[in-house]
Amino acid sequence: MPFAKRLVYLKGVILPVLLIGCVLGAIYSGIATVTESAAIGCVGAILVAIVRKELSVQDIRDALWATTVTTGSIVWLIVGAVSLVGIYNIIGGTTFLNGLLTGLDVHPLVVILIMMAIVMVLGTFMDWIAIVFITVPVFTPVVSSLGYDPIWFGILFAMNIQIYMLSPPFGPACFYLKSVAPKDVTLQEIFLAVLPFIGLQLIGLTLVLLFPQIALWLPYLGK
């Protein structure tokens, strides 16, 4: 393809790239929260469509309908997960888990591995907010009593939650992708396609677990 023709096609991606830069820039610069940046992205997408003369009432209706379907399915999953958390706490599950972890006669690193395994298992059927409500109040005191840095454990936890975003059968990211993927792409195909990325996340999690300084050198750089 001639270079001049490439430039013509390149013009079509300038505005979307600028939009992505504005959304991510607002997040990483601290100007806006993730939810506020989503609103910026929504308004920006409408403006881009207007500039490109591609906006129509039907497009807006389709976007609103797709958003309603996707959000509705995720919200019901969250309702179920939060309900499970409430019942779990009422029957004393948090106290039981705390006593179980602190009473184990094993190497402290094994306790951390058990915590990570619990988060992974919960991530297959529970929303991340519910996982945080169940595990963080129990895990944090145990981690401190074992002599580990809470910042290090927090980063491990966040990386584990990233794995949850892709893990079937819950995998919210997979459902988000299915909502915008072509109709001939099945959810099962998406779940299979994300397996290599789950593997990469596990490798990163293992490295931070074995070499804590990977996660700690930057937070303590100015101290």
Protein backbone atom coordinates (compact mmCIF):
# COMPACT_ATOMS: atom_id res chain seq x y z
CA MET A 1 0.00 0.00 0.00
CA PRO A 2 1.43 3.42 -0.92
CA PHE A 3 2.55 5.61 1.97
CA ALA A 4 0.07 8.38 1.06
CA LYS A 5 -2.80 5.91 1.24
CA ARG A 6 -1.57 4.70 4.62
CA LEU A 7 -1.76 8.27 5.90
CA VAL A 8 -5.37 8.49 4.72
CA TYR A 9 -6.26 5.42 6.77
CA LEU A 10 -4.19 6.71 9.69
CA LYS A 11 -6.40 9.79 9.90
CA GLY A 12 -9.27 7.51 10.85
CA VAL A 13 -7.57 6.36 14.04
CA ILE A 14 -6.25 9.71 15.28
CA LEU A 15 -9.45 10.71 17.08
CA PRO A 16 -10.01 7.31 18.75
CA VAL A 17 -6.38 7.28 19.93
CA LEU A 18 -6.79 10.79 21.34
CA LEU A 19 -9.97 9.67 23.10
CA ILE A 20 -8.21 6.69 24.66
CA GLY A 21 -5.35 8.97 25.72
CA CYS A 22 -7.77 11.40 27.39
CA VAL A 23 -9.58 8.64 29.30
CA LEU A 24 -6.42 6.89 30.50
CA GLY A 25 -4.65 10.20 31.08
CA ALA A 26 -7.46 11.40 33.33
CA ILE A 27 -7.16 8.20 35.38
CA TYR A 28 -3.39 8.02 35.70
CA SER A 29 -2.96 11.74 36.34
CA GLY A 30 -5.48 11.61 39.16
CA ILE A 31 -7.76 14.18 37.56
CA ALA A 32 -10.75 11.81 37.51
CA THR A 33 -11.81 8.51 39.01
CA VAL A 34 -12.39 5.44 36.85
CA THR A 35 -16.16 6.06 36.81
CA GLU A 36 -15.71 9.72 35.92
CA SER A 37 -13.25 8.77 33.18
CA ALA A 38 -15.85 6.38 31.79
CA ALA A 39 -18.22 9.34 31.50
CA ILE A 40 -15.47 11.31 29.74
CA GLY A 41 -15.03 8.41 27.33
CA CYS A 42 -18.77 8.26 26.65
CA VAL A 43 -19.04 11.97 25.87
CA GLY A 44 -15.81 11.85 23.87
CA ALA A 45 -17.07 8.92 21.78
CA ILE A 46 -20.23 10.87 20.93
CA LEU A 47 -18.13 13.90 19.90
CA VAL A 48 -15.86 11.71 17.76
CA ALA A 49 -18.91 10.21 16.04
CA ILE A 50 -20.28 13.73 15.39
CA VAL A 51 -16.97 14.93 13.93
CA ARG A 52 -16.81 11.86 11.69
CA LYS A 53 -20.50 12.34 10.75
CA GLU A 54 -21.30 8.81 11.87
CA LEU A 55 -23.73 9.54 14.73
CA SER A 56 -27.38 8.56 14.40
CA VAL A 57 -30.35 8.05 16.69
CA GLN A 58 -30.25 4.32 15.93
CA ASP A 59 -26.58 4.13 17.01
CA ILE A 60 -27.42 5.79 20.33
CA ARG A 61 -30.36 3.41 20.87
CA ASP A 62 -28.18 0.38 20.07
CA ALA A 63 -25.45 1.60 22.43
CA LEU A 64 -27.93 2.20 25.25
CA TRP A 65 -29.51 -1.23 24.74
CA ALA A 66 -26.14 -3.01 24.67
CA THR A 67 -25.09 -1.16 27.83
CA THR A 68 -28.33 -2.11 29.58
CA VAL A 69 -27.96 -5.80 28.69
CA THR A 70 -24.30 -5.98 29.74
CA THR A 71 -24.77 -3.99 32.95
CA GLY A 72 -27.92 -5.89 33.87
CA SER A 73 -26.24 -9.28 33.59
CA ILE A 74 -23.25 -8.17 35.67
CA VAL A 75 -25.42 -6.46 38.31
CA TRP A 76 -27.37 -9.66 38.98
CA LEU A 77 -24.11 -11.54 39.43
CA ILE A 78 -23.02 -8.88 41.93
CA VAL A 79 -26.35 -9.09 43.79
CA GLY A 80 -25.89 -12.82 44.22
CA ALA A 81 -22.29 -12.44 45.34
CA VAL A 82 -23.05 -9.72 47.89
CA SER A 83 -25.97 -11.76 49.25
CA LEU A 84 -23.62 -14.69 49.71
CA VAL A 85 -21.19 -12.44 51.61
CA GLY A 86 -23.92 -11.33 54.01
CA ILE A 87 -24.96 -14.91 54.78
CA TYR A 88 -21.32 -15.98 55.08
CA ASN A 89 -20.60 -13.29 57.69
CA ILE A 90 -23.80 -13.98 59.64
CA ILE A 91 -22.95 -17.66 60.11
CA GLY A 92 -19.43 -16.81 61.34
CA GLY A 93 -17.44 -17.61 58.23
CA THR A 94 -15.00 -14.73 58.76
CA THR A 95 -14.14 -15.86 62.29
CA PHE A 96 -13.71 -19.44 61.13
CA LEU A 97 -11.37 -18.46 58.29
CA ASN A 98 -9.25 -16.27 60.57
CA GLY A 99 -8.86 -19.06 63.13
CA LEU A 100 -8.03 -21.56 60.39
CA LEU A 101 -5.23 -19.47 58.90
CA THR A 102 -3.62 -18.43 62.18
CA GLY A 103 -3.75 -21.98 63.54
CA LEU A 104 -1.83 -23.62 60.70
CA ASP A 105 1.55 -25.06 61.71
CA VAL A 106 3.30 -24.40 58.39
CA HIS A 107 5.82 -22.00 56.88
CA PRO A 108 4.42 -18.44 56.66
CA LEU A 109 4.80 -18.44 52.87
CA VAL A 110 2.49 -21.45 52.70
CA VAL A 111 -0.17 -19.41 54.50
CA ILE A 112 0.18 -16.68 51.85
CA LEU A 113 -0.18 -19.31 49.12
CA ILE A 114 -3.35 -20.60 50.78
CA MET A 115 -4.72 -17.06 50.86
CA MET A 116 -3.97 -16.61 47.16
CA ALA A 117 -5.61 -19.96 46.39
CA ILE A 118 -8.73 -18.93 48.33
CA VAL A 119 -8.98 -15.69 46.34
CA MET A 120 -8.57 -17.60 43.06
CA VAL A 121 -11.31 -20.06 43.98
CA LEU A 122 -13.67 -17.28 45.09
CA GLY A 123 -12.93 -15.44 41.86
CA THR A 124 -14.49 -18.21 39.78
CA PHE A 125 -17.99 -17.52 41.10
CA MET A 126 -17.97 -14.25 43.06
CA ASP A 127 -17.69 -10.53 42.33
CA TRP A 128 -14.40 -8.84 43.27
CA ILE A 129 -16.14 -6.46 45.68
CA ALA A 130 -17.60 -9.42 47.55
CA ILE A 131 -14.16 -11.09 47.61
CA VAL A 132 -12.64 -7.97 49.15
CA PHE A 133 -15.37 -7.78 51.80
CA ILE A 134 -14.80 -11.41 52.79
CA THR A 135 -11.04 -11.79 52.65
CA VAL A 136 -9.29 -8.46 53.27
CA PRO A 137 -10.53 -7.97 56.87
CA VAL A 138 -9.38 -11.52 57.65
CA PHE A 139 -6.16 -11.69 55.64
CA THR A 140 -4.60 -8.32 56.54
CA PRO A 141 -4.10 -8.95 60.29
CA VAL A 142 -2.77 -12.42 59.56
CA VAL A 143 -0.27 -11.07 57.01
CA SER A 144 0.97 -8.46 59.50
CA SER A 145 1.30 -11.05 62.28
CA LEU A 146 3.40 -13.22 59.96
CA GLY A 147 5.84 -10.32 59.46
CA TYR A 148 5.07 -9.59 55.80
CA ASP A 149 4.68 -6.13 54.32
CA PRO A 150 0.97 -5.24 53.85
CA ILE A 151 1.84 -3.25 50.71
CA TRP A 152 3.41 -6.34 49.17
CA PHE A 153 0.36 -8.42 50.04
CA GLY A 154 -1.96 -5.73 48.67
CA ILE A 155 -0.19 -5.85 45.31
CA LEU A 156 -0.37 -9.65 45.32
CA PHE A 157 -4.08 -9.39 46.06
CA ALA A 158 -4.61 -6.89 43.24
CA MET A 159 -2.75 -9.14 40.78
CA ASN A 160 -4.91 -12.04 41.88
CA ILE A 161 -8.03 -9.98 41.25
CA GLN A 162 -6.71 -9.38 37.73
CA ILE A 163 -6.72 -13.16 37.26
CA TYR A 164 -10.31 -13.23 38.54
CA MET A 165 -11.33 -10.78 35.80
CA LEU A 166 -10.48 -13.45 33.21
CA SER A 167 -11.25 -16.68 35.07
CA PRO A 168 -14.27 -18.69 33.91
CA PRO A 169 -17.10 -19.17 34.64
CA PHE A 170 -17.45 -15.66 36.18
CA GLY A 171 -14.74 -13.72 34.30
CA PRO A 172 -16.39 -10.28 33.94
CA ALA A 173 -13.88 -9.19 31.29
CA CYS A 174 -14.93 -12.14 29.13
CA PHE A 175 -18.59 -11.12 29.39
CA TYR A 176 -17.68 -7.52 28.52
CA LEU A 177 -15.80 -8.76 25.46
CA LYS A 178 -18.68 -11.03 24.42
CA SER A 179 -21.05 -8.05 24.44
CA VAL A 180 -18.98 -6.26 21.76
CA ALA A 181 -17.59 -9.27 19.86
CA PRO A 182 -19.07 -10.46 16.53
CA LYS A 183 -22.12 -12.67 16.95
CA ASP A 184 -20.31 -15.77 15.64
CA VAL A 185 -17.75 -15.58 18.50
CA THR A 186 -18.98 -17.74 21.38
CA LEU A 187 -18.31 -17.22 25.07
CA GLN A 188 -16.55 -20.60 25.19
CA GLU A 189 -14.11 -19.43 22.51
CA ILE A 190 -13.36 -16.30 24.51
CA PHE A 191 -12.73 -18.32 27.68
CA LEU A 192 -10.29 -20.55 25.79
CA ALA A 193 -8.56 -17.55 24.22
CA VAL A 194 -7.83 -15.90 27.59
CA LEU A 195 -6.10 -18.97 29.07
CA PRO A 196 -2.60 -17.86 27.90
CA PHE A 197 -3.16 -14.46 29.53
CA ILE A 198 -4.19 -16.13 32.77
CA GLY A 199 -0.92 -18.04 32.56
CA LEU A 200 1.02 -14.78 32.19
CA GLN A 201 -0.78 -13.36 35.22
CA LEU A 202 0.16 -16.45 37.23
CA ILE A 203 3.81 -16.05 36.22
CA GLY A 204 3.77 -12.41 37.34
CA LEU A 205 2.07 -13.35 40.60
CA THR A 206 4.69 -16.01 41.28
CA LEU A 207 7.57 -13.61 40.61
CA VAL A 208 6.19 -10.97 43.00
CA LEU A 209 5.53 -13.70 45.57
CA LEU A 210 9.10 -15.00 45.44
CA PHE A 211 10.80 -11.61 44.96
CA PRO A 212 8.88 -9.01 47.03
CA GLN A 213 11.23 -6.18 46.00
CA ILE A 214 9.65 -6.20 42.56
CA ALA A 215 6.59 -4.71 44.23
CA LEU A 216 8.25 -2.77 47.03
CA TRP A 217 11.17 -0.89 45.48
CA LEU A 218 8.99 1.89 44.03
CA PRO A 219 6.79 2.55 47.12
CA TYR A 220 9.90 2.82 49.28
CA LEU A 221 12.01 4.69 46.73
CA GLY A 222 11.63 8.04 48.47
CA LYS A 223 12.14 6.71 52.00
